[in-house]
Amino acid sequence: MRDKPTLYNYNKTIRCLSNILLEKGGERKIMNVLMINFPAEGHINPTLGIVKALINRGDSVHYVTTKEFKERIEGLGANVYLHPNHLEGITPQKMASIHEFMQFHLKISYDILTVVQKLSNSIPFDYVYHDTFGAGLLVKDYLNLPSISSSSLFAIPQEQFLKMLRNRRYGPSLDPSPEFEKENGVLIERIEECFGVKVKNPFQFMMNTANLNVVYTSREFQPGGEDMDNSYVFIGPSITKRVQTHDFPLEELKGKKVLYISMGTVLQGVESFFQTCIEAFRDFKGKVVVAVGRTTDLARLQPFPENFIVRRYVPQLEVLEHTDVFITHGGMNSTSEALYYEVPLVVIPHTSDQPMVAARVEELKAGFRIDPHEVSIEKLQESVQQVLSNPVYRKNAKKLSNSFIKAGGAKEALTAIDEYLKKVSSV
């Protein structure tokens, strides 16, 4: 077992001296922030506003991720360190069980810890900012540092989360098969032996909560948000322009009624859905923007009607600024971005937290929900027409947008982080 880095034995003393200096009117200590995340769009993108805010105030951000996200994070001024993406090409539909998902988490966690082990020899990190998914708590324990949890989904208590797992498409049983139990056990032993950390719970990779949890929504949108304690800081969605190049013709959307359609980046086998959309909206009086993702077989969809703009990748924030209705799978990231821009939704949830998000959108009358098995040309046309013709949907989307803005964003998060670090350094 490798010894923990001795460099970190001095961190508490350094933080205490820094706080004393601050109290006496000295300059604020520049922080080295280690960011650990799950390699998926919906988990990475919400953190970009925090990255930008930290760098703008002079902190140094060290972000461990995969190559897909290198450009956008480096573009903000962060230092990026890469690990292999064991989830590349894997979608929820392809996973046989929740324990297969845990296996991916274990592999990624080992790789992340290997990167952190090397970095820790030269960089005196002050704290870990980690996602609720992934290796965050293991990294925290390895470095023996304070940590802040970043929740890109709704904040969900552990008991409720386990109930959700039982109701997922993976089936009612949370008991692993002998094969997965053996293979995952070997991976756990390898992590514990190499890094001297303990995997306390087989599902901790999906429940990396901390004493301070930054949640990228408002208490108004969070189910039961009014009853959650102050360890949860609701800052609204982190909206930051992506530092990415694109050739999307945004000028074609100006002054037009715009319908935007996207099923996210992980769903596969959705050609039939997009074909239904083409038939439903070929006579739409305006522009129809469709983001089909990397794996969709475009040959099965062409030719496209003249009013359609179809791309594998769409600069979503820029498009949402012009959008009147958004047809979406209901991922938390996409839903929050749409509501931020006061765009009402038609939500077609498939997996993960999407049914919960769709239910909340429907409950607050900021959109219309369609179950996947109910999708048809007529249903799509009817739902879009209802959202466009009934002003209550846009009115409620605007209310939620206002709640997001009032939540305070990255500024509120940094204030909470500073207060928390000051508190733990004085203990």
Protein backbone atom coordinates (compact mmCIF):
# COMPACT_ATOMS: atom_id res chain seq x y z
CA MET A 1 0.00 0.00 0.00
CA ARG A 2 1.38 3.40 -0.98
CA ASP A 3 1.73 6.00 1.78
CA LYS A 4 -0.47 9.08 1.51
CA PRO A 5 1.44 12.10 0.14
CA THR A 6 3.23 13.81 3.05
CA LEU A 7 2.78 17.14 1.27
CA TYR A 8 -0.84 17.14 2.40
CA ASN A 9 0.00 16.79 6.09
CA TYR A 10 0.77 20.51 5.98
CA ASN A 11 -2.40 21.63 4.21
CA LYS A 12 -4.45 22.22 7.34
CA THR A 13 -1.74 24.40 8.82
CA ILE A 14 -1.43 26.35 5.57
CA ARG A 15 -5.20 26.93 5.43
CA CYS A 16 -5.24 28.11 9.08
CA LEU A 17 -2.41 30.57 8.43
CA SER A 18 -4.22 31.78 5.32
CA ASN A 19 -7.38 32.50 7.29
CA ILE A 20 -5.40 34.36 9.96
CA LEU A 21 -3.85 36.45 7.20
CA LEU A 22 -7.27 37.21 5.73
CA GLU A 23 -8.66 38.24 9.11
CA LYS A 24 -5.77 40.70 9.46
CA GLY A 25 -6.49 42.25 6.09
CA GLY A 26 -3.90 40.35 4.06
CA GLU A 27 -4.33 39.20 0.49
CA ARG A 28 -6.44 36.17 -0.20
CA LYS A 29 -4.48 32.95 -0.64
CA ILE A 30 -4.61 31.57 -4.17
CA MET A 31 -6.17 28.10 -4.06
CA ASN A 32 -5.21 24.98 -5.99
CA VAL A 33 -8.54 23.32 -6.75
CA LEU A 34 -8.70 19.69 -7.86
CA MET A 35 -11.81 18.90 -9.90
CA ILE A 36 -12.97 15.30 -10.32
CA ASN A 37 -15.93 14.48 -12.52
CA PHE A 38 -17.85 11.79 -14.36
CA PRO A 39 -17.04 11.88 -18.11
CA ALA A 40 -20.45 12.86 -19.50
CA GLU A 41 -21.83 16.10 -20.98
CA GLY A 42 -24.51 16.49 -18.33
CA HIS A 43 -21.96 16.25 -15.52
CA ILE A 44 -19.11 18.28 -17.05
CA ASN A 45 -21.01 21.23 -18.49
CA PRO A 46 -22.62 22.43 -15.23
CA THR A 47 -19.16 22.81 -13.65
CA LEU A 48 -17.81 25.12 -16.35
CA GLY A 49 -19.25 28.24 -14.72
CA ILE A 50 -17.54 27.32 -11.46
CA VAL A 51 -14.25 26.73 -13.29
CA LYS A 52 -14.49 30.14 -14.96
CA ALA A 53 -15.37 31.93 -11.70
CA LEU A 54 -12.50 30.30 -9.82
CA ILE A 55 -9.98 31.19 -12.51
CA ASN A 56 -11.30 34.74 -12.83
CA ARG A 57 -10.57 35.37 -9.16
CA GLY A 58 -7.05 33.96 -9.47
CA ASP A 59 -7.39 30.37 -8.28
CA SER A 60 -5.66 27.53 -10.14
CA VAL A 61 -8.01 24.79 -11.34
CA HIS A 62 -6.73 21.29 -12.08
CA TYR A 63 -9.40 19.25 -13.86
CA VAL A 64 -9.13 15.46 -14.33
CA THR A 65 -11.30 14.31 -17.24
CA THR A 66 -11.30 12.64 -20.67
CA LYS A 67 -10.18 13.95 -24.05
CA GLU A 68 -13.74 14.79 -25.18
CA PHE A 69 -13.88 17.69 -22.73
CA LYS A 70 -10.29 18.93 -22.94
CA GLU A 71 -10.89 21.82 -25.36
CA ARG A 72 -13.80 23.43 -23.53
CA ILE A 73 -12.14 23.20 -20.09
CA GLU A 74 -8.71 24.38 -21.23
CA GLY A 75 -10.44 27.21 -23.05
CA LEU A 76 -11.50 28.57 -19.66
CA GLY A 77 -7.90 28.60 -18.42
CA ALA A 78 -7.87 25.39 -16.39
CA ASN A 79 -5.15 22.76 -16.35
CA VAL A 80 -6.50 19.49 -17.79
CA TYR A 81 -5.21 15.98 -17.08
CA LEU A 82 -6.61 13.06 -19.04
CA HIS A 83 -7.61 9.52 -18.15
CA PRO A 84 -9.08 6.82 -20.44
CA ASN A 85 -12.83 6.93 -21.02
CA HIS A 86 -14.13 3.42 -20.32
CA LEU A 87 -17.66 4.63 -21.08
CA GLU A 88 -16.90 5.61 -24.66
CA GLY A 89 -19.60 4.15 -26.89
CA ILE A 90 -21.54 2.79 -23.91
CA THR A 91 -25.15 3.87 -23.38
CA PRO A 92 -27.71 3.00 -20.68
CA GLN A 93 -29.44 0.68 -23.15
CA LYS A 94 -26.28 -1.40 -23.50
CA MET A 95 -25.76 -2.03 -19.78
CA ALA A 96 -26.99 -5.36 -18.47
CA SER A 97 -27.21 -4.30 -14.83
CA ILE A 98 -26.40 -1.60 -12.32
CA HIS A 99 -23.37 -3.68 -11.34
CA GLU A 100 -21.96 -3.36 -14.83
CA PHE A 101 -22.26 0.41 -14.37
CA MET A 102 -20.41 0.06 -11.05
CA GLN A 103 -17.65 -1.80 -12.89
CA PHE A 104 -17.15 1.18 -15.20
CA HIS A 105 -17.01 3.44 -12.16
CA LEU A 106 -14.36 1.27 -10.55
CA LYS A 107 -12.19 1.27 -13.67
CA ILE A 108 -12.50 5.04 -14.07
CA SER A 109 -11.83 5.57 -10.35
CA TYR A 110 -8.59 3.58 -10.56
CA ASP A 111 -7.44 5.68 -13.52
CA ILE A 112 -8.38 8.96 -11.82
CA LEU A 113 -6.58 7.99 -8.62
CA THR A 114 -3.50 7.11 -10.68
CA VAL A 115 -3.52 10.60 -12.21
CA VAL A 116 -4.10 12.23 -8.80
CA GLN A 117 -1.30 10.17 -7.26
CA LYS A 118 1.16 11.62 -9.77
CA LEU A 119 -0.15 15.20 -9.47
CA SER A 120 -0.02 15.11 -5.68
CA ASN A 121 3.77 14.90 -5.76
CA SER A 122 4.07 18.44 -7.11
CA ILE A 123 0.79 20.32 -6.57
CA PRO A 124 -0.39 21.30 -3.06
CA PHE A 125 -4.14 20.99 -3.55
CA ASP A 126 -6.37 22.86 -1.10
CA TYR A 127 -9.63 21.01 -1.66
CA VAL A 128 -11.45 18.61 -3.99
CA TYR A 129 -14.50 19.65 -5.99
CA HIS A 130 -16.16 16.45 -7.16
CA ASP A 131 -19.33 15.21 -8.81
CA THR A 132 -21.91 13.10 -6.98
CA PHE A 133 -20.99 10.39 -9.50
CA GLY A 134 -17.55 8.82 -9.60
CA ALA A 135 -14.28 8.77 -7.68
CA GLY A 136 -14.68 11.98 -5.69
CA LEU A 137 -14.89 10.57 -2.18
CA LEU A 138 -12.01 8.17 -2.83
CA VAL A 139 -9.85 11.07 -4.01
CA LYS A 140 -10.89 13.09 -0.96
CA ASP A 141 -9.87 10.24 1.34
CA TYR A 142 -6.60 9.65 -0.52
CA LEU A 143 -5.55 13.29 -0.22
CA ASN A 144 -7.12 13.79 3.21
CA LEU A 145 -8.59 17.11 2.10
CA PRO A 146 -11.94 18.89 2.43
CA SER A 147 -14.30 18.25 -0.44
CA ILE A 148 -17.33 19.91 -1.99
CA SER A 149 -19.86 17.83 -3.89
CA SER A 150 -21.22 18.99 -7.25
CA SER A 151 -24.71 17.72 -8.07
CA SER A 152 -25.67 17.97 -11.73
CA LEU A 153 -28.95 16.15 -10.95
CA PHE A 154 -31.65 16.84 -8.41
CA ALA A 155 -30.37 16.39 -4.86
CA ILE A 156 -31.70 12.99 -3.79
CA PRO A 157 -31.50 11.48 -0.27
CA GLN A 158 -29.84 8.06 -0.14
CA GLU A 159 -33.02 6.11 0.68
CA GLN A 160 -34.89 7.69 -2.22
CA PHE A 161 -31.95 7.11 -4.55
CA LEU A 162 -31.84 3.37 -3.78
CA LYS A 163 -35.58 3.17 -4.42
CA MET A 164 -35.05 4.82 -7.80
CA LEU A 165 -32.40 2.23 -8.66
CA ARG A 166 -34.86 -0.59 -7.96
CA ASN A 167 -37.37 1.01 -10.33
CA ARG A 168 -34.91 1.52 -13.16
CA ARG A 169 -34.75 -0.48 -16.35
CA TYR A 170 -31.93 -2.58 -14.87
CA GLY A 171 -34.51 -4.56 -12.90
CA PRO A 172 -35.74 -4.83 -9.33
CA SER A 173 -32.73 -6.58 -7.81
CA LEU A 174 -29.70 -4.74 -6.51
CA ASP A 175 -27.93 -8.01 -5.72
CA PRO A 176 -24.97 -8.63 -8.06
CA SER A 177 -24.52 -11.82 -10.03
CA PRO A 178 -21.62 -14.02 -8.85
CA GLU A 179 -19.62 -12.93 -11.91
CA PHE A 180 -20.01 -9.22 -11.25
CA GLU A 181 -19.48 -9.70 -7.53
CA LYS A 182 -16.17 -11.43 -8.24
CA GLU A 183 -14.95 -9.01 -10.91
CA ASN A 184 -15.97 -5.88 -8.98
CA GLY A 185 -14.45 -7.34 -5.83
CA VAL A 186 -11.11 -7.70 -7.60
CA LEU A 187 -11.29 -4.07 -8.77
CA ILE A 188 -12.18 -2.84 -5.28
CA GLU A 189 -9.25 -4.75 -3.77
CA ARG A 190 -6.92 -3.29 -6.39
CA ILE A 191 -8.02 0.28 -5.58
CA GLU A 192 -7.78 -0.24 -1.83
CA GLU A 193 -4.36 -1.88 -2.05
CA CYS A 194 -2.84 0.65 -4.45
CA PHE A 195 -4.15 3.83 -2.88
CA GLY A 196 -4.92 2.99 0.74
CA VAL A 197 -8.56 4.08 0.52
CA LYS A 198 -11.71 2.18 1.42
CA VAL A 199 -14.76 1.64 -0.79
CA LYS A 200 -17.35 2.03 1.96
CA ASN A 201 -20.47 1.32 -0.10
CA PRO A 202 -20.85 -0.38 -3.50
CA PHE A 203 -23.16 2.45 -4.59
CA GLN A 204 -21.03 5.31 -3.26
CA PHE A 205 -19.95 6.03 -6.84
CA MET A 206 -23.46 7.39 -7.41
CA MET A 207 -23.84 9.07 -4.01
CA ASN A 208 -20.73 11.21 -3.48
CA THR A 209 -22.33 13.68 -1.10
CA ALA A 210 -20.33 15.96 1.19
CA ASN A 211 -20.85 18.38 4.06
CA LEU A 212 -21.32 21.05 1.38
CA ASN A 213 -23.25 20.17 -1.77
CA VAL A 214 -23.55 22.57 -4.70
CA VAL A 215 -26.73 21.86 -6.67
CA TYR A 216 -27.23 23.37 -10.14
CA THR A 217 -30.88 24.25 -9.82
CA SER A 218 -33.10 26.41 -7.64
CA ARG A 219 -35.00 25.37 -4.53
CA GLU A 220 -38.15 26.14 -6.53
CA PHE A 221 -37.34 23.54 -9.20
CA GLN A 222 -35.85 20.98 -6.77
CA PRO A 223 -38.59 18.57 -5.58
CA GLY A 224 -38.95 19.19 -1.84
CA GLY A 225 -36.33 21.92 -2.04
CA GLU A 226 -37.94 24.01 0.66
CA ASP A 227 -37.32 21.21 3.19
CA MET A 228 -33.63 20.59 2.43
CA ASP A 229 -31.03 21.81 4.94
CA ASN A 230 -28.24 24.33 4.43
CA SER A 231 -25.67 21.71 3.49
CA TYR A 232 -27.31 22.00 0.05
CA VAL A 233 -26.58 25.26 -1.77
CA PHE A 234 -28.88 25.77 -4.75
CA ILE A 235 -27.12 28.08 -7.22
CA GLY A 236 -29.20 27.60 -10.37
CA PRO A 237 -27.82 26.08 -13.57
CA SER A 238 -24.27 27.05 -14.46
CA ILE A 239 -24.67 28.75 -17.83
CA THR A 240 -21.33 29.43 -19.49
CA LYS A 241 -20.69 29.85 -23.19
CA ARG A 242 -18.78 26.83 -24.46
CA VAL A 243 -15.34 27.51 -25.85
CA GLN A 244 -15.91 25.39 -28.95
CA THR A 245 -15.83 26.05 -32.66
CA HIS A 246 -18.92 25.37 -34.78
CA ASP A 247 -20.34 26.22 -38.19
CA PHE A 248 -24.00 26.31 -37.19
CA PRO A 249 -26.01 28.96 -39.18
CA LEU A 250 -27.50 30.87 -36.23
CA GLU A 251 -28.44 33.75 -38.53
CA GLU A 252 -31.11 31.52 -40.12
CA LEU A 253 -33.00 31.42 -36.81
CA LYS A 254 -33.33 35.16 -36.30
CA GLY A 255 -36.91 36.40 -36.56
CA LYS A 256 -38.27 32.86 -37.06
CA LYS A 257 -40.36 30.57 -34.90
CA VAL A 258 -37.94 27.84 -33.83
CA LEU A 259 -38.58 24.27 -32.76
CA TYR A 260 -35.48 22.58 -31.36
CA ILE A 261 -35.24 18.79 -31.02
CA SER A 262 -32.51 16.88 -29.18
CA MET A 263 -32.42 13.55 -27.37
CA GLY A 264 -29.05 14.17 -25.73
CA THR A 265 -25.71 12.49 -26.34
CA VAL A 266 -26.15 8.96 -24.97
CA LEU A 267 -29.39 7.54 -26.42
CA GLN A 268 -28.93 5.26 -29.41
CA GLY A 269 -31.28 3.69 -31.94
CA VAL A 270 -33.39 6.85 -32.19
CA GLU A 271 -33.55 7.04 -36.00
CA SER A 272 -37.24 6.07 -35.95
CA PHE A 273 -37.97 8.87 -33.49
CA PHE A 274 -36.22 11.46 -35.65
CA GLN A 275 -38.05 10.14 -38.70
CA THR A 276 -41.35 10.63 -36.87
CA CYS A 277 -40.29 14.19 -36.07
CA ILE A 278 -39.52 14.83 -39.74
CA GLU A 279 -43.00 13.70 -40.74
CA ALA A 280 -44.63 15.62 -37.90
CA PHE A 281 -42.92 18.96 -38.58
CA ARG A 282 -42.14 19.07 -42.31
CA ASP A 283 -44.86 21.75 -42.60
CA PHE A 284 -43.86 23.62 -39.42
CA LYS A 285 -44.10 27.38 -40.02
CA GLY A 286 -40.57 28.21 -38.99
CA LYS A 287 -37.23 26.48 -38.49
CA VAL A 288 -36.80 23.01 -37.02
CA VAL A 289 -33.34 22.42 -35.52
CA VAL A 290 -32.42 18.78 -34.88
CA ALA A 291 -29.34 17.59 -32.97
CA VAL A 292 -29.00 13.90 -33.85
CA GLY A 293 -25.81 13.01 -31.97
CA ARG A 294 -22.73 11.09 -33.06
CA THR A 295 -24.22 7.65 -33.64
CA THR A 296 -27.44 8.33 -35.59
CA ASP A 297 -27.48 6.92 -39.11
CA LEU A 298 -28.22 10.03 -41.16
CA ALA A 299 -28.68 7.99 -44.33
CA ARG A 300 -31.89 6.58 -42.84
CA LEU A 301 -33.31 10.08 -42.39
CA GLN A 302 -32.42 11.98 -45.55
CA PRO A 303 -33.58 13.93 -47.47
CA PHE A 304 -34.55 16.57 -44.92
CA PRO A 305 -37.34 19.12 -45.47
CA GLU A 306 -36.15 22.63 -46.39
CA ASN A 307 -37.23 24.06 -43.03
CA PHE A 308 -34.97 21.60 -41.12
CA ILE A 309 -31.41 22.24 -39.93
CA VAL A 310 -29.89 18.89 -38.93
CA ARG A 311 -26.51 18.54 -37.26
CA ARG A 312 -24.72 15.91 -35.22
CA TYR A 313 -23.71 18.65 -32.79
CA VAL A 314 -25.62 21.86 -32.09
CA PRO A 315 -24.32 24.82 -30.03
CA GLN A 316 -27.22 24.37 -27.64
CA LEU A 317 -27.04 27.57 -25.60
CA GLU A 318 -26.90 29.74 -28.71
CA VAL A 319 -29.80 27.85 -30.30
CA LEU A 320 -31.93 28.02 -27.15
CA GLU A 321 -31.69 31.82 -27.23
CA HIS A 322 -33.83 31.66 -30.40
CA THR A 323 -36.04 28.67 -29.48
CA ASP A 324 -39.82 28.74 -28.91
CA VAL A 325 -40.30 25.05 -27.97
CA PHE A 326 -37.72 22.40 -27.09
CA ILE A 327 -38.42 18.68 -27.56
CA THR A 328 -36.00 16.90 -25.24
CA HIS A 329 -35.27 13.65 -23.41
CA GLY A 330 -35.42 15.58 -20.15
CA GLY A 331 -31.80 15.40 -19.09
CA MET A 332 -31.21 17.76 -16.18
CA ASN A 333 -28.62 19.80 -18.04
CA SER A 334 -30.67 20.35 -21.19
CA THR A 335 -33.87 21.00 -19.24
CA SER A 336 -32.20 23.57 -17.00
CA GLU A 337 -30.57 25.36 -19.92
CA ALA A 338 -33.92 25.57 -21.73
CA LEU A 339 -35.74 26.92 -18.68
CA TYR A 340 -32.93 29.42 -18.07
CA TYR A 341 -33.71 30.86 -21.51
CA GLU A 342 -37.46 30.77 -20.70
CA VAL A 343 -38.10 28.00 -23.25
CA PRO A 344 -41.07 25.69 -22.50
CA LEU A 345 -40.55 21.99 -23.20
CA VAL A 346 -42.01 18.82 -24.58
CA VAL A 347 -40.27 16.12 -22.53
CA ILE A 348 -39.91 12.48 -23.63
CA PRO A 349 -38.02 10.79 -20.76
CA HIS A 350 -36.20 7.48 -21.27
CA THR A 351 -33.90 6.56 -18.41
CA SER A 352 -31.93 7.67 -15.33
CA ASP A 353 -33.30 10.85 -13.72
CA GLN A 354 -35.25 11.87 -16.82
CA PRO A 355 -38.68 10.65 -15.59
CA MET A 356 -38.20 12.68 -12.39
CA VAL A 357 -37.24 15.78 -14.34
CA ALA A 358 -40.16 15.33 -16.73
CA ALA A 359 -42.57 14.90 -13.83
CA ARG A 360 -41.33 18.12 -12.22
CA VAL A 361 -41.61 20.07 -15.49
CA GLU A 362 -45.15 18.79 -15.93
CA GLU A 363 -46.05 19.46 -12.28
CA LEU A 364 -44.91 23.09 -12.55
CA LYS A 365 -46.65 23.44 -15.95
CA ALA A 366 -43.48 24.53 -17.71
CA GLY A 367 -43.86 21.83 -20.33
CA PHE A 368 -45.74 18.82 -21.67
CA ARG A 369 -44.73 15.22 -21.04
CA ILE A 370 -44.99 12.33 -23.54
CA ASP A 371 -44.17 8.76 -22.56
CA PRO A 372 -41.78 7.15 -25.09
CA HIS A 373 -44.29 4.47 -26.08
CA GLU A 374 -46.89 7.18 -26.89
CA VAL A 375 -44.75 9.03 -29.44
CA SER A 376 -46.51 9.49 -32.76
CA ILE A 377 -46.82 12.13 -35.47
CA GLU A 378 -50.15 13.26 -34.06
CA LYS A 379 -48.95 13.31 -30.42
CA LEU A 380 -45.87 15.37 -31.29
CA GLN A 381 -47.90 17.86 -33.30
CA GLU A 382 -50.54 18.12 -30.59
CA SER A 383 -48.04 18.66 -27.76
CA VAL A 384 -46.01 21.31 -29.61
CA GLN A 385 -49.17 23.14 -30.62
CA GLN A 386 -50.46 23.06 -27.05
CA VAL A 387 -47.21 24.51 -25.68
CA LEU A 388 -47.10 27.20 -28.37
CA SER A 389 -50.74 28.23 -28.01
CA ASN A 390 -51.06 28.20 -24.21
CA PRO A 391 -49.12 31.12 -22.67
CA VAL A 392 -49.06 29.43 -19.24
CA TYR A 393 -46.15 27.23 -20.34
CA ARG A 394 -43.88 30.12 -21.26
CA LYS A 395 -45.06 32.07 -18.21
CA ASN A 396 -44.03 29.25 -15.87
CA ALA A 397 -40.76 28.69 -17.75
CA LYS A 398 -40.04 32.39 -17.14
CA LYS A 399 -40.80 31.97 -13.41
CA LEU A 400 -38.30 29.15 -13.17
CA SER A 401 -35.76 31.17 -15.14
CA ASN A 402 -36.13 33.97 -12.62
CA SER A 403 -35.62 31.51 -9.76
CA PHE A 404 -32.43 30.28 -11.44
CA ILE A 405 -31.07 33.80 -11.79
CA LYS A 406 -31.98 34.74 -8.19
CA ALA A 407 -30.18 31.61 -6.93
CA GLY A 408 -26.90 33.42 -7.43
CA GLY A 409 -24.94 31.17 -9.76
CA ALA A 410 -21.20 30.67 -9.45
CA LYS A 411 -20.84 33.72 -7.19
CA GLU A 412 -23.12 32.09 -4.61
CA ALA A 413 -21.20 28.83 -4.92
CA LEU A 414 -17.83 30.49 -4.31
CA THR A 415 -19.17 32.34 -1.28
CA ALA A 416 -20.45 29.06 0.18
CA ILE A 417 -17.16 27.30 -0.60
CA ASP A 418 -15.08 30.03 1.07
CA GLU A 419 -17.26 29.98 4.18
CA TYR A 420 -17.09 26.20 4.36
CA LEU A 421 -13.30 26.07 3.96
CA LYS A 422 -12.87 28.73 6.62
CA LYS A 423 -15.07 26.68 8.96
CA VAL A 424 -13.23 23.37 8.45
CA SER A 425 -9.79 25.00 8.74
CA SER A 426 -10.67 26.37 12.16
CA VAL A 427 -11.69 22.97 13.54
